[in-house]
Amino acid sequence: MEGSPQVVEIGPEEADVRIGAGALLLDVREPEEWEAGRAPAALHLPLGRLADSTDQLPPDRPIVVICRVGGRSAAATSFLTGAGFDAVNLAGGMHAWAAADLPVVTADGSPGTVA
């Protein structure tokens, strides 16, 4: 889309490094996907609620955005970048995260799945 901010994409390993250095991992999937499995440090904010909920995000902290395969998180990243946030998209989403052997857990910390 003309006029949209350029979406920077990173892989799961780089995302893990950035999260370890203090970046926020923002999961924009739907609630049922979130319940099935998530990255342990993620904040859940479904894409449909993002525009009305940016006040829940730290304005001075880098954000790594994730969804299931990368499409919704790319849209969220574009929106956030346009709103002045320092945001990047995790290319490949939770599927790439899990394929990189990074943890996927449920609410109680037991192993989760990517739905």
PDB file of N, CA and C in Angstrom:
ATOM      1  N   MET A   1       0.844  -1.173   0.000  1.00  0.00           N
ATOM      2  CA  MET A   1       0.000   0.000   0.000  1.00  0.00           C
ATOM      3  C   MET A   1       0.889   1.235   0.000  1.00  0.00           C
ATOM      4  N   GLU A   2       0.642   2.132  -0.950  1.00  0.00           N
ATOM      5  CA  GLU A   2       1.450   3.341  -1.044  1.00  0.00           C
ATOM      6  C   GLU A   2       1.269   4.199   0.204  1.00  0.00           C
ATOM      7  N   GLY A   3       2.370   4.690   0.715  1.00  0.00           N
ATOM      8  CA  GLY A   3       2.310   5.529   1.894  1.00  0.00           C
ATOM      9  C   GLY A   3       2.445   4.766   3.200  1.00  0.00           C
ATOM     10  N   SER A   4       2.378   3.437   3.143  1.00  0.00           N
ATOM     11  CA  SER A   4       2.536   2.631   4.350  1.00  0.00           C
ATOM     12  C   SER A   4       4.008   2.562   4.722  1.00  0.00           C
ATOM     13  N   PRO A   5       4.294   2.547   6.014  1.00  0.00           N
ATOM     14  CA  PRO A   5       5.691   2.428   6.436  1.00  0.00           C
ATOM     15  C   PRO A   5       6.283   1.086   5.989  1.00  0.00           C
ATOM     16  N   GLN A   6       7.576   1.097   5.718  1.00  0.00           N
ATOM     17  CA  GLN A   6       8.281  -0.134   5.360  1.00  0.00           C
ATOM     18  C   GLN A   6       8.298  -1.068   6.561  1.00  0.00           C
ATOM     19  N   VAL A   7       7.921  -2.319   6.342  1.00  0.00           N
ATOM     20  CA  VAL A   7       7.911  -3.303   7.418  1.00  0.00           C
ATOM     21  C   VAL A   7       9.253  -4.021   7.438  1.00  0.00           C
ATOM     22  N   VAL A   8       9.950  -3.916   8.551  1.00  0.00           N
ATOM     23  CA  VAL A   8      11.207  -4.626   8.741  1.00  0.00           C
ATOM     24  C   VAL A   8      10.881  -6.007   9.293  1.00  0.00           C
ATOM     25  N   GLU A   9      11.455  -7.039   8.691  1.00  0.00           N
ATOM     26  CA  GLU A   9      11.223  -8.413   9.136  1.00  0.00           C
ATOM     27  C   GLU A   9      12.509  -9.007   9.688  1.00  0.00           C
ATOM     28  N   ILE A  10      12.338  -9.784  10.751  1.00  0.00           N
ATOM     29  CA  ILE A  10      13.463 -10.501  11.349  1.00  0.00           C
ATOM     30  C   ILE A  10      13.048 -11.952  11.546  1.00  0.00           C
ATOM     31  N   GLY A  11      14.031 -12.823  11.723  1.00  0.00           N
ATOM     32  CA  GLY A  11      13.762 -14.222  11.973  1.00  0.00           C
ATOM     33  C   GLY A  11      13.608 -14.503  13.462  1.00  0.00           C
ATOM     34  N   PRO A  12      13.249 -15.722  13.804  1.00  0.00           N
ATOM     35  CA  PRO A  12      13.015 -16.056  15.206  1.00  0.00           C
ATOM     36  C   PRO A  12      14.249 -15.944  16.095  1.00  0.00           C
ATOM     37  N   GLU A  13      15.409 -16.278  15.576  1.00  0.00           N
ATOM     38  CA  GLU A  13      16.612 -16.186  16.400  1.00  0.00           C
ATOM     39  C   GLU A  13      16.913 -14.735  16.758  1.00  0.00           C
ATOM     40  N   GLU A  14      16.806 -13.838  15.762  1.00  0.00           N
ATOM     41  CA  GLU A  14      17.016 -12.415  16.012  1.00  0.00           C
ATOM     42  C   GLU A  14      15.944 -11.881  16.954  1.00  0.00           C
ATOM     43  N   ALA A  15      14.708 -12.356  16.788  1.00  0.00           N
ATOM     44  CA  ALA A  15      13.627 -11.936  17.686  1.00  0.00           C
ATOM     45  C   ALA A  15      13.950 -12.332  19.121  1.00  0.00           C
ATOM     46  N   ASP A  16      14.437 -13.546  19.303  1.00  0.00           N
ATOM     47  CA  ASP A  16      14.773 -14.036  20.637  1.00  0.00           C
ATOM     48  C   ASP A  16      15.870 -13.175  21.267  1.00  0.00           C
ATOM     49  N   VAL A  17      16.860 -12.784  20.470  1.00  0.00           N
ATOM     50  CA  VAL A  17      17.935 -11.912  20.958  1.00  0.00           C
ATOM     51  C   VAL A  17      17.360 -10.557  21.376  1.00  0.00           C
ATOM     52  N   ARG A  18      16.507 -10.002  20.531  1.00  0.00           N
ATOM     53  CA  ARG A  18      15.925  -8.690  20.840  1.00  0.00           C
ATOM     54  C   ARG A  18      15.039  -8.750  22.093  1.00  0.00           C
ATOM     55  N   ILE A  19      14.284  -9.816  22.236  1.00  0.00           N
ATOM     56  CA  ILE A  19      13.432  -9.973  23.422  1.00  0.00           C
ATOM     57  C   ILE A  19      14.310 -10.087  24.666  1.00  0.00           C
ATOM     58  N   GLY A  20      15.390 -10.845  24.553  1.00  0.00           N
ATOM     59  CA  GLY A  20      16.328 -10.965  25.660  1.00  0.00           C
ATOM     60  C   GLY A  20      16.972  -9.639  26.043  1.00  0.00           C
ATOM     61  N   ALA A  21      17.060  -8.727  25.073  1.00  0.00           N
ATOM     62  CA  ALA A  21      17.643  -7.407  25.321  1.00  0.00           C
ATOM     63  C   ALA A  21      16.593  -6.370  25.740  1.00  0.00           C
ATOM     64  N   GLY A  22      15.342  -6.819  25.903  1.00  0.00           N
ATOM     65  CA  GLY A  22      14.323  -5.910  26.416  1.00  0.00           C
ATOM     66  C   GLY A  22      13.175  -5.571  25.497  1.00  0.00           C
ATOM     67  N   ALA A  23      13.177  -6.068  24.264  1.00  0.00           N
ATOM     68  CA  ALA A  23      12.058  -5.792  23.361  1.00  0.00           C
ATOM     69  C   ALA A  23      10.801  -6.510  23.847  1.00  0.00           C
ATOM     70  N   LEU A  24       9.660  -5.930  23.559  1.00  0.00           N
ATOM     71  CA  LEU A  24       8.368  -6.536  23.866  1.00  0.00           C
ATOM     72  C   LEU A  24       7.979  -7.455  22.724  1.00  0.00           C
ATOM     73  N   LEU A  25       7.543  -8.670  23.021  1.00  0.00           N
ATOM     74  CA  LEU A  25       6.998  -9.575  22.020  1.00  0.00           C
ATOM     75  C   LEU A  25       5.484  -9.421  22.066  1.00  0.00           C
ATOM     76  N   LEU A  26       4.903  -8.938  20.982  1.00  0.00           N
ATOM     77  CA  LEU A  26       3.468  -8.679  20.900  1.00  0.00           C
ATOM     78  C   LEU A  26       2.824  -9.698  19.976  1.00  0.00           C
ATOM     79  N   ASP A  27       1.934 -10.516  20.529  1.00  0.00           N
ATOM     80  CA  ASP A  27       1.227 -11.562  19.783  1.00  0.00           C
ATOM     81  C   ASP A  27      -0.140 -11.026  19.378  1.00  0.00           C
ATOM     82  N   VAL A  28      -0.398 -10.935  18.068  1.00  0.00           N
ATOM     83  CA  VAL A  28      -1.650 -10.359  17.572  1.00  0.00           C
ATOM     84  C   VAL A  28      -2.628 -11.422  17.063  1.00  0.00           C
ATOM     85  N   ARG A  29      -2.436 -12.673  17.454  1.00  0.00           N
ATOM     86  CA  ARG A  29      -3.346 -13.747  17.030  1.00  0.00           C
ATOM     87  C   ARG A  29      -4.670 -13.682  17.780  1.00  0.00           C
ATOM     88  N   GLU A  30      -5.608 -14.491  17.320  1.00  0.00           N
ATOM     89  CA  GLU A  30      -6.925 -14.589  17.950  1.00  0.00           C
ATOM     90  C   GLU A  30      -6.816 -15.368  19.264  1.00  0.00           C
ATOM     91  N   PRO A  31      -7.780 -15.160  20.177  1.00  0.00           N
ATOM     92  CA  PRO A  31      -7.705 -15.810  21.494  1.00  0.00           C
ATOM     93  C   PRO A  31      -7.534 -17.322  21.448  1.00  0.00           C
ATOM     94  N   GLU A  32      -8.223 -18.016  20.553  1.00  0.00           N
ATOM     95  CA  GLU A  32      -8.100 -19.481  20.506  1.00  0.00           C
ATOM     96  C   GLU A  32      -6.703 -19.912  20.072  1.00  0.00           C
ATOM     97  N   GLU A  33      -6.059 -19.142  19.209  1.00  0.00           N
ATOM     98  CA  GLU A  33      -4.686 -19.446  18.816  1.00  0.00           C
ATOM     99  C   GLU A  33      -3.744 -19.226  19.992  1.00  0.00           C
ATOM    100  N   TRP A  34      -3.955 -18.133  20.710  1.00  0.00           N
ATOM    101  CA  TRP A  34      -3.159 -17.786  21.891  1.00  0.00           C
ATOM    102  C   TRP A  34      -3.258 -18.872  22.947  1.00  0.00           C
ATOM    103  N   GLU A  35      -4.475 -19.359  23.194  1.00  0.00           N
ATOM    104  CA  GLU A  35      -4.687 -20.383  24.218  1.00  0.00           C
ATOM    105  C   GLU A  35      -3.977 -21.694  23.885  1.00  0.00           C
ATOM    106  N   ALA A  36      -3.889 -22.028  22.605  1.00  0.00           N
ATOM    107  CA  ALA A  36      -3.257 -23.292  22.198  1.00  0.00           C
ATOM    108  C   ALA A  36      -1.761 -23.296  22.485  1.00  0.00           C
ATOM    109  N   GLY A  37      -1.122 -22.138  22.334  1.00  0.00           N
ATOM    110  CA  GLY A  37       0.308 -22.053  22.592  1.00  0.00           C
ATOM    111  C   GLY A  37       0.850 -20.696  22.223  1.00  0.00           C
ATOM    112  N   ARG A  38       1.820 -20.242  23.019  1.00  0.00           N
ATOM    113  CA  ARG A  38       2.407 -18.913  22.843  1.00  0.00           C
ATOM    114  C   ARG A  38       3.864 -18.929  23.266  1.00  0.00           C
ATOM    115  N   ALA A  39       4.568 -17.896  22.871  1.00  0.00           N
ATOM    116  CA  ALA A  39       5.923 -17.690  23.381  1.00  0.00           C
ATOM    117  C   ALA A  39       5.778 -17.204  24.825  1.00  0.00           C
ATOM    118  N   PRO A  40       6.591 -17.701  25.729  1.00  0.00           N
ATOM    119  CA  PRO A  40       6.413 -17.392  27.156  1.00  0.00           C
ATOM    120  C   PRO A  40       6.381 -15.909  27.517  1.00  0.00           C
ATOM    121  N   ALA A  41       7.154 -15.078  26.845  1.00  0.00           N
ATOM    122  CA  ALA A  41       7.253 -13.669  27.231  1.00  0.00           C
ATOM    123  C   ALA A  41       6.258 -12.765  26.498  1.00  0.00           C
ATOM    124  N   ALA A  42       5.380 -13.335  25.683  1.00  0.00           N
ATOM    125  CA  ALA A  42       4.521 -12.522  24.823  1.00  0.00           C
ATOM    126  C   ALA A  42       3.383 -11.822  25.566  1.00  0.00           C
ATOM    127  N   LEU A  43       3.026 -10.661  25.036  1.00  0.00           N
ATOM    128  CA  LEU A  43       1.824  -9.927  25.432  1.00  0.00           C
ATOM    129  C   LEU A  43       0.793 -10.188  24.346  1.00  0.00           C
ATOM    130  N   HIS A  44      -0.427 -10.538  24.736  1.00  0.00           N
ATOM    131  CA  HIS A  44      -1.478 -10.829  23.761  1.00  0.00           C
ATOM    132  C   HIS A  44      -2.368  -9.615  23.543  1.00  0.00           C
ATOM    133  N   LEU A  45      -2.480  -9.209  22.280  1.00  0.00           N
ATOM    134  CA  LEU A  45      -3.369  -8.126  21.895  1.00  0.00           C
ATOM    135  C   LEU A  45      -3.816  -8.425  20.462  1.00  0.00           C
ATOM    136  N   PRO A  46      -5.005  -9.038  20.300  1.00  0.00           N
ATOM    137  CA  PRO A  46      -5.455  -9.424  18.957  1.00  0.00           C
ATOM    138  C   PRO A  46      -5.452  -8.238  17.982  1.00  0.00           C
ATOM    139  N   LEU A  47      -5.146  -8.530  16.737  1.00  0.00           N
ATOM    140  CA  LEU A  47      -5.035  -7.502  15.710  1.00  0.00           C
ATOM    141  C   LEU A  47      -6.279  -6.616  15.656  1.00  0.00           C
ATOM    142  N   GLY A  48      -7.458  -7.191  15.794  1.00  0.00           N
ATOM    143  CA  GLY A  48      -8.687  -6.418  15.728  1.00  0.00           C
ATOM    144  C   GLY A  48      -8.844  -5.391  16.834  1.00  0.00           C
ATOM    145  N   ARG A  49      -8.105  -5.536  17.914  1.00  0.00           N
ATOM    146  CA  ARG A  49      -8.166  -4.590  19.031  1.00  0.00           C
ATOM    147  C   ARG A  49      -6.973  -3.642  19.073  1.00  0.00           C
ATOM    148  N   LEU A  50      -6.009  -3.848  18.196  1.00  0.00           N
ATOM    149  CA  LEU A  50      -4.750  -3.102  18.271  1.00  0.00           C
ATOM    150  C   LEU A  50      -4.945  -1.593  18.149  1.00  0.00           C
ATOM    151  N   ALA A  51      -5.712  -1.152  17.167  1.00  0.00           N
ATOM    152  CA  ALA A  51      -5.863   0.289  16.929  1.00  0.00           C
ATOM    153  C   ALA A  51      -6.433   1.016  18.141  1.00  0.00           C
ATOM    154  N   ASP A  52      -7.281   0.336  18.899  1.00  0.00           N
ATOM    155  CA  ASP A  52      -7.891   0.954  20.084  1.00  0.00           C
ATOM    156  C   ASP A  52      -7.117   0.701  21.364  1.00  0.00           C
ATOM    157  N   SER A  53      -5.991   0.005  21.281  1.00  0.00           N
ATOM    158  CA  SER A  53      -5.282  -0.415  22.495  1.00  0.00           C
ATOM    159  C   SER A  53      -3.812  -0.042  22.523  1.00  0.00           C
ATOM    160  N   THR A  54      -3.388   0.880  21.689  1.00  0.00           N
ATOM    161  CA  THR A  54      -1.965   1.232  21.669  1.00  0.00           C
ATOM    162  C   THR A  54      -1.508   1.838  22.987  1.00  0.00           C
ATOM    163  N   ASP A  55      -2.450   2.332  23.799  1.00  0.00           N
ATOM    164  CA  ASP A  55      -2.070   2.872  25.105  1.00  0.00           C
ATOM    165  C   ASP A  55      -1.551   1.789  26.040  1.00  0.00           C
ATOM    166  N   GLN A  56      -1.759   0.511  25.693  1.00  0.00           N
ATOM    167  CA  GLN A  56      -1.253  -0.609  26.482  1.00  0.00           C
ATOM    168  C   GLN A  56       0.187  -0.954  26.124  1.00  0.00           C
ATOM    169  N   LEU A  57       0.730  -0.291  25.114  1.00  0.00           N
ATOM    170  CA  LEU A  57       2.079  -0.588  24.632  1.00  0.00           C
ATOM    171  C   LEU A  57       3.059   0.490  25.077  1.00  0.00           C
ATOM    172  N   PRO A  58       4.265   0.072  25.462  1.00  0.00           N
ATOM    173  CA  PRO A  58       5.272   1.057  25.886  1.00  0.00           C
ATOM    174  C   PRO A  58       5.798   1.839  24.683  1.00  0.00           C
ATOM    175  N   PRO A  59       5.693   3.161  24.709  1.00  0.00           N
ATOM    176  CA  PRO A  59       6.119   3.959  23.558  1.00  0.00           C
ATOM    177  C   PRO A  59       7.629   4.003  23.350  1.00  0.00           C
ATOM    178  N   ASP A  60       8.397   3.665  24.373  1.00  0.00           N
ATOM    179  CA  ASP A  60       9.850   3.791  24.285  1.00  0.00           C
ATOM    180  C   ASP A  60      10.569   2.440  24.304  1.00  0.00           C
ATOM    181  N   ARG A  61       9.847   1.371  24.009  1.00  0.00           N
ATOM    182  CA  ARG A  61      10.441   0.029  24.021  1.00  0.00           C
ATOM    183  C   ARG A  61      10.265  -0.607  22.640  1.00  0.00           C
ATOM    184  N   PRO A  62      11.311  -1.209  22.074  1.00  0.00           N
ATOM    185  CA  PRO A  62      11.154  -1.892  20.783  1.00  0.00           C
ATOM    186  C   PRO A  62      10.115  -3.008  20.891  1.00  0.00           C
ATOM    187  N   ILE A  63       9.406  -3.243  19.790  1.00  0.00           N
ATOM    188  CA  ILE A  63       8.358  -4.262  19.759  1.00  0.00           C
ATOM    189  C   ILE A  63       8.635  -5.237  18.622  1.00  0.00           C
ATOM    190  N   VAL A  64       8.571  -6.532  18.935  1.00  0.00           N
ATOM    191  CA  VAL A  64       8.614  -7.589  17.932  1.00  0.00           C
ATOM    192  C   VAL A  64       7.191  -8.126  17.844  1.00  0.00           C
ATOM    193  N   VAL A  65       6.595  -8.072  16.647  1.00  0.00           N
ATOM    194  CA  VAL A  65       5.208  -8.478  16.464  1.00  0.00           C
ATOM    195  C   VAL A  65       5.166  -9.861  15.836  1.00  0.00           C
ATOM    196  N   ILE A  66       4.274 -10.724  16.375  1.00  0.00           N
ATOM    197  CA  ILE A  66       4.174 -12.107  15.908  1.00  0.00           C
ATOM    198  C   ILE A  66       2.708 -12.506  15.743  1.00  0.00           C
ATOM    199  N   CYS A  67       2.446 -13.358  14.754  1.00  0.00           N
ATOM    200  CA  CYS A  67       1.144 -13.998  14.590  1.00  0.00           C
ATOM    201  C   CYS A  67       1.424 -15.468  14.251  1.00  0.00           C
ATOM    202  N   ARG A  68       0.556 -16.114  13.508  1.00  0.00           N
ATOM    203  CA  ARG A  68       0.787 -17.522  13.202  1.00  0.00           C
ATOM    204  C   ARG A  68       1.842 -17.706  12.115  1.00  0.00           C
ATOM    205  N   VAL A  69       1.696 -16.977  10.975  1.00  0.00           N
ATOM    206  CA  VAL A  69       2.641 -17.156   9.872  1.00  0.00           C
ATOM    207  C   VAL A  69       3.291 -15.863   9.387  1.00  0.00           C
ATOM    208  N   GLY A  70       2.875 -14.714   9.889  1.00  0.00           N
ATOM    209  CA  GLY A  70       3.538 -13.465   9.556  1.00  0.00           C
ATOM    210  C   GLY A  70       2.713 -12.418   8.845  1.00  0.00           C
ATOM    211  N   GLY A  71       1.538 -12.756   8.351  1.00  0.00           N
ATOM    212  CA  GLY A  71       0.716 -11.784   7.627  1.00  0.00           C
ATOM    213  C   GLY A  71       0.056 -10.754   8.521  1.00  0.00           C
ATOM    214  N   ARG A  72      -0.643 -11.214   9.531  1.00  0.00           N
ATOM    215  CA  ARG A  72      -1.304 -10.280  10.452  1.00  0.00           C
ATOM    216  C   ARG A  72      -0.279  -9.446  11.205  1.00  0.00           C
ATOM    217  N   SER A  73       0.830 -10.075  11.583  1.00  0.00           N
ATOM    218  CA  SER A  73       1.849  -9.315  12.310  1.00  0.00           C
ATOM    219  C   SER A  73       2.514  -8.275  11.407  1.00  0.00           C
ATOM    220  N   ALA A  74       2.604  -8.544  10.097  1.00  0.00           N
ATOM    221  CA  ALA A  74       3.140  -7.538   9.177  1.00  0.00           C
ATOM    222  C   ALA A  74       2.203  -6.330   9.127  1.00  0.00           C
ATOM    223  N   ALA A  75       0.894  -6.581   9.079  1.00  0.00           N
ATOM    224  CA  ALA A  75      -0.077  -5.480   9.080  1.00  0.00           C
ATOM    225  C   ALA A  75       0.010  -4.699  10.385  1.00  0.00           C
ATOM    226  N   ALA A  76       0.132  -5.416  11.502  1.00  0.00           N
ATOM    227  CA  ALA A  76       0.243  -4.756  12.806  1.00  0.00           C
ATOM    228  C   ALA A  76       1.538  -3.947  12.893  1.00  0.00           C
ATOM    229  N   THR A  77       2.615  -4.487  12.363  1.00  0.00           N
ATOM    230  CA  THR A  77       3.899  -3.788  12.376  1.00  0.00           C
ATOM    231  C   THR A  77       3.815  -2.497  11.572  1.00  0.00           C
ATOM    232  N   SER A  78       3.188  -2.557  10.413  1.00  0.00           N
ATOM    233  CA  SER A  78       3.011  -1.373   9.592  1.00  0.00           C
ATOM    234  C   SER A  78       2.203  -0.314  10.344  1.00  0.00           C
ATOM    235  N   PHE A  79       1.129  -0.739  10.976  1.00  0.00           N
ATOM    236  CA  PHE A  79       0.301   0.191  11.755  1.00  0.00           C
ATOM    237  C   PHE A  79       1.106   0.813  12.892  1.00  0.00           C
ATOM    238  N   LEU A  80       1.812  -0.027  13.644  1.00  0.00           N
ATOM    239  CA  LEU A  80       2.570   0.472  14.796  1.00  0.00           C
ATOM    240  C   LEU A  80       3.691   1.416  14.375  1.00  0.00           C
ATOM    241  N   THR A  81       4.388   1.073  13.311  1.00  0.00           N
ATOM    242  CA  THR A  81       5.459   1.935  12.812  1.00  0.00           C
ATOM    243  C   THR A  81       4.884   3.290  12.399  1.00  0.00           C
ATOM    244  N   GLY A  82       3.741   3.261  11.728  1.00  0.00           N
ATOM    245  CA  GLY A  82       3.085   4.495  11.336  1.00  0.00           C
ATOM    246  C   GLY A  82       2.629   5.329  12.519  1.00  0.00           C
ATOM    247  N   ALA A  83       2.368   4.659  13.647  1.00  0.00           N
ATOM    248  CA  ALA A  83       1.939   5.348  14.869  1.00  0.00           C
ATOM    249  C   ALA A  83       3.133   5.790  15.722  1.00  0.00           C
ATOM    250  N   GLY A  84       4.349   5.568  15.221  1.00  0.00           N
ATOM    251  CA  GLY A  84       5.530   6.046  15.928  1.00  0.00           C
ATOM    252  C   GLY A  84       6.240   5.031  16.805  1.00  0.00           C
ATOM    253  N   PHE A  85       5.797   3.776  16.785  1.00  0.00           N
ATOM    254  CA  PHE A  85       6.456   2.734  17.574  1.00  0.00           C
ATOM    255  C   PHE A  85       7.643   2.158  16.802  1.00  0.00           C
ATOM    256  N   ASP A  86       8.623   1.658  17.522  1.00  0.00           N
ATOM    257  CA  ASP A  86       9.780   0.967  16.953  1.00  0.00           C
ATOM    258  C   ASP A  86       9.401  -0.510  16.884  1.00  0.00           C
ATOM    259  N   ALA A  87       8.812  -0.927  15.750  1.00  0.00           N
ATOM    260  CA  ALA A  87       8.280  -2.283  15.631  1.00  0.00           C
ATOM    261  C   ALA A  87       8.862  -3.012  14.434  1.00  0.00           C
ATOM    262  N   VAL A  88       9.064  -4.330  14.611  1.00  0.00           N
ATOM    263  CA  VAL A  88       9.508  -5.214  13.532  1.00  0.00           C
ATOM    264  C   VAL A  88       8.607  -6.438  13.516  1.00  0.00           C
ATOM    265  N   ASN A  89       8.526  -7.057  12.355  1.00  0.00           N
ATOM    266  CA  ASN A  89       7.699  -8.249  12.170  1.00  0.00           C
ATOM    267  C   ASN A  89       8.556  -9.505  12.271  1.00  0.00           C
ATOM    268  N   LEU A  90       8.053 -10.497  12.999  1.00  0.00           N
ATOM    269  CA  LEU A  90       8.730 -11.795  13.047  1.00  0.00           C
ATOM    270  C   LEU A  90       8.250 -12.600  11.841  1.00  0.00           C
ATOM    271  N   ALA A  91       9.096 -12.680  10.810  1.00  0.00           N
ATOM    272  CA  ALA A  91       8.764 -13.394   9.581  1.00  0.00           C
ATOM    273  C   ALA A  91       8.507 -14.871   9.885  1.00  0.00           C
ATOM    274  N   GLY A  92       7.424 -15.391   9.373  1.00  0.00           N
ATOM    275  CA  GLY A  92       7.102 -16.795   9.592  1.00  0.00           C
ATOM    276  C   GLY A  92       6.314 -17.048  10.862  1.00  0.00           C
ATOM    277  N   GLY A  93       6.171 -16.040  11.695  1.00  0.00           N
ATOM    278  CA  GLY A  93       5.315 -16.116  12.879  1.00  0.00           C
ATOM    279  C   GLY A  93       5.651 -17.236  13.855  1.00  0.00           C
ATOM    280  N   MET A  94       4.611 -17.712  14.524  1.00  0.00           N
ATOM    281  CA  MET A  94       4.782 -18.769  15.526  1.00  0.00           C
ATOM    282  C   MET A  94       5.283 -20.061  14.905  1.00  0.00           C
ATOM    283  N   HIS A  95       4.967 -20.292  13.631  1.00  0.00           N
ATOM    284  CA  HIS A  95       5.498 -21.497  12.980  1.00  0.00           C
ATOM    285  C   HIS A  95       7.016 -21.427  12.906  1.00  0.00           C
ATOM    286  N   ALA A  96       7.557 -20.267  12.548  1.00  0.00           N
ATOM    287  CA  ALA A  96       9.021 -20.103  12.497  1.00  0.00           C
ATOM    288  C   ALA A  96       9.612 -20.162  13.895  1.00  0.00           C
ATOM    289  N   TRP A  97       8.924 -19.562  14.868  1.00  0.00           N
ATOM    290  CA  TRP A  97       9.371 -19.582  16.263  1.00  0.00           C
ATOM    291  C   TRP A  97       9.522 -21.023  16.741  1.00  0.00           C
ATOM    292  N   ALA A  98       8.488 -21.826  16.537  1.00  0.00           N
ATOM    293  CA  ALA A  98       8.516 -23.231  16.973  1.00  0.00           C
ATOM    294  C   ALA A  98       9.553 -24.034  16.189  1.00  0.00           C
ATOM    295  N   ALA A  99       9.689 -23.777  14.883  1.00  0.00           N
ATOM    296  CA  ALA A  99      10.664 -24.493  14.060  1.00  0.00           C
ATOM    297  C   ALA A  99      12.096 -24.197  14.495  1.00  0.00           C
ATOM    298  N   ALA A 100      12.316 -23.040  15.137  1.00  0.00           N
ATOM    299  CA  ALA A 100      13.641 -22.681  15.639  1.00  0.00           C
ATOM    300  C   ALA A 100      13.879 -23.256  17.037  1.00  0.00           C
ATOM    301  N   ASP A 101      12.999 -24.141  17.476  1.00  0.00           N
ATOM    302  CA  ASP A 101      13.086 -24.788  18.792  1.00  0.00           C
ATOM    303  C   ASP A 101      13.006 -23.790  19.942  1.00  0.00           C
ATOM    304  N   LEU A 102      12.272 -22.697  19.731  1.00  0.00           N
ATOM    305  CA  LEU A 102      12.011 -21.749  20.809  1.00  0.00           C
ATOM    306  C   LEU A 102      10.727 -22.202  21.511  1.00  0.00           C
ATOM    307  N   PRO A 103      10.569 -21.891  22.787  1.00  0.00           N
ATOM    308  CA  PRO A 103       9.469 -22.462  23.558  1.00  0.00           C
ATOM    309  C   PRO A 103       8.080 -21.980  23.133  1.00  0.00           C
ATOM    310  N   VAL A 104       7.149 -22.945  23.124  1.00  0.00           N
ATOM    311  CA  VAL A 104       5.726 -22.685  22.904  1.00  0.00           C
ATOM    312  C   VAL A 104       5.013 -23.324  24.085  1.00  0.00           C
ATOM    313  N   VAL A 105       4.312 -22.504  24.874  1.00  0.00           N
ATOM    314  CA  VAL A 105       3.690 -22.979  26.107  1.00  0.00           C
ATOM    315  C   VAL A 105       2.231 -22.544  26.189  1.00  0.00           C
ATOM    316  N   THR A 106       1.507 -23.164  27.114  1.00  0.00           N
ATOM    317  CA  THR A 106       0.137 -22.757  27.419  1.00  0.00           C
ATOM    318  C   THR A 106       0.167 -21.858  28.654  1.00  0.00           C
ATOM    319  N   ALA A 107      -1.003 -21.443  29.093  1.00  0.00           N
ATOM    320  CA  ALA A 107      -1.099 -20.523  30.232  1.00  0.00           C
ATOM    321  C   ALA A 107      -0.438 -21.073  31.496  1.00  0.00           C
ATOM    322  N   ASP A 108      -0.498 -22.387  31.681  1.00  0.00           N
ATOM    323  CA  ASP A 108       0.092 -22.972  32.904  1.00  0.00           C
ATOM    324  C   ASP A 108       1.559 -23.364  32.718  1.00  0.00           C
ATOM    325  N   GLY A 109       2.139 -23.038  31.548  1.00  0.00           N
ATOM    326  CA  GLY A 109       3.546 -23.325  31.335  1.00  0.00           C
ATOM    327  C   GLY A 109       3.833 -24.679  30.715  1.00  0.00           C
ATOM    328  N   SER A 110       2.793 -25.489  30.493  1.00  0.00           N
ATOM    329  CA  SER A 110       3.025 -26.785  29.853  1.00  0.00           C
ATOM    330  C   SER A 110       3.213 -26.593  28.344  1.00  0.00           C
ATOM    331  N   PRO A 111       3.765 -27.597  27.661  1.00  0.00           N
ATOM    332  CA  PRO A 111       4.002 -27.445  26.222  1.00  0.00           C
ATOM    333  C   PRO A 111       2.713 -27.128  25.465  1.00  0.00           C
ATOM    334  N   GLY A 112       2.829 -26.180  24.543  1.00  0.00           N
ATOM    335  CA  GLY A 112       1.684 -25.783  23.731  1.00  0.00           C
ATOM    336  C   GLY A 112       1.901 -26.146  22.275  1.00  0.00           C
ATOM    337  N   THR A 113       0.917 -25.800  21.456  1.00  0.00           N
ATOM    338  CA  THR A 113       0.987 -26.040  20.010  1.00  0.00           C
ATOM    339  C   THR A 113       0.704 -24.736  19.278  1.00  0.00           C
ATOM    340  N   VAL A 114       1.120 -24.680  18.038  1.00  0.00           N
ATOM    341  CA  VAL A 114       0.822 -23.517  17.201  1.00  0.00           C
ATOM    342  C   VAL A 114      -0.472 -23.816  16.462  1.00  0.00           C
ATOM    343  N   ALA A 115      -1.505 -23.048  16.776  1.00  0.00           N
ATOM    344  CA  ALA A 115      -2.818 -23.248  16.146  1.00  0.00           C
ATOM    345  C   ALA A 115      -3.083 -22.160  15.144  1.00  0.00           C
TER     346      ALA A 115
END
